[in-house]
Amino acid sequence: MSDKPEFDAQAVIDAMAPLIGIEIAPDFREGVATILKMAADMAELVLSAPIGDADPSGPAFEA
């Protein structure tokens, strides 16, 4: 069992929608929650990659 709390997409919608000035219609909340959960799962996968201080960084491009 993980000590990390489960991602609550509905709470994120409730907190973020007013903050950024949008209203999520009730018919769309479940779809928005599904996409937020998917994004959270992808972020967790990326953040769980073992990267050390000695690992090389990617190239930097300057304009």
Protein backbone atom coordinates (compact mmCIF):
# COMPACT_ATOMS: atom_id res chain seq x y z
CA MET A 1 0.00 0.00 0.00
CA SER A 2 1.27 3.43 -0.95
CA ASP A 3 1.48 6.37 1.44
CA LYS A 4 0.64 8.67 -1.45
CA PRO A 5 -3.02 9.74 -1.58
CA GLU A 6 -5.05 8.78 -4.63
CA PHE A 7 -5.43 11.49 -7.27
CA ASP A 8 -8.81 13.21 -6.90
CA ALA A 9 -9.69 14.67 -10.30
CA GLN A 10 -13.02 16.05 -9.08
CA ALA A 11 -11.23 18.04 -6.37
CA VAL A 12 -8.78 19.38 -8.95
CA ILE A 13 -11.68 20.49 -11.15
CA ASP A 14 -13.41 22.14 -8.18
CA ALA A 15 -10.23 23.99 -7.21
CA MET A 16 -8.78 24.91 -10.59
CA ALA A 17 -11.79 25.84 -12.72
CA PRO A 18 -12.66 28.97 -10.69
CA LEU A 19 -8.99 29.83 -10.34
CA ILE A 20 -8.50 30.01 -14.12
CA GLY A 21 -11.94 31.51 -14.69
CA ILE A 22 -13.76 28.70 -16.48
CA GLU A 23 -16.95 26.82 -15.78
CA ILE A 24 -17.11 23.09 -16.45
CA ALA A 25 -20.64 22.08 -17.40
CA PRO A 26 -21.93 19.08 -15.45
CA ASP A 27 -22.20 17.06 -18.67
CA PHE A 28 -18.45 17.48 -19.27
CA ARG A 29 -17.07 16.96 -15.75
CA GLU A 30 -16.59 13.20 -16.09
CA GLY A 31 -14.70 13.59 -19.38
CA VAL A 32 -12.49 16.33 -17.93
CA ALA A 33 -11.84 14.16 -14.86
CA THR A 34 -10.86 11.22 -17.08
CA ILE A 35 -8.33 13.35 -18.99
CA LEU A 36 -6.90 14.81 -15.77
CA LYS A 37 -6.46 11.31 -14.34
CA MET A 38 -4.74 10.21 -17.55
CA ALA A 39 -2.39 13.21 -17.37
CA ALA A 40 -1.63 12.48 -13.71
CA ASP A 41 -0.82 8.85 -14.57
CA MET A 42 1.55 9.97 -17.36
CA ALA A 43 3.24 12.48 -15.05
CA GLU A 44 3.74 9.79 -12.41
CA LEU A 45 5.37 7.54 -14.99
CA VAL A 46 7.77 10.29 -16.11
CA LEU A 47 8.60 11.35 -12.56
CA SER A 48 9.28 7.76 -11.51
CA ALA A 49 12.10 7.36 -14.05
CA PRO A 50 15.38 6.79 -12.21
CA ILE A 51 17.51 9.83 -13.03
CA GLY A 52 20.66 10.61 -11.11
CA ASP A 53 22.83 13.69 -10.85
CA ALA A 54 25.43 12.09 -13.11
CA ASP A 55 22.94 11.37 -15.92
CA PRO A 56 23.40 13.62 -18.94
CA SER A 57 20.74 16.20 -19.67
CA GLY A 58 19.16 16.63 -23.05
CA PRO A 59 20.48 19.08 -25.59
CA ALA A 60 19.71 22.76 -25.09
CA PHE A 61 18.65 24.81 -28.09
CA GLU A 62 19.07 28.55 -28.22
CA ALA A 63 17.43 30.87 -30.72
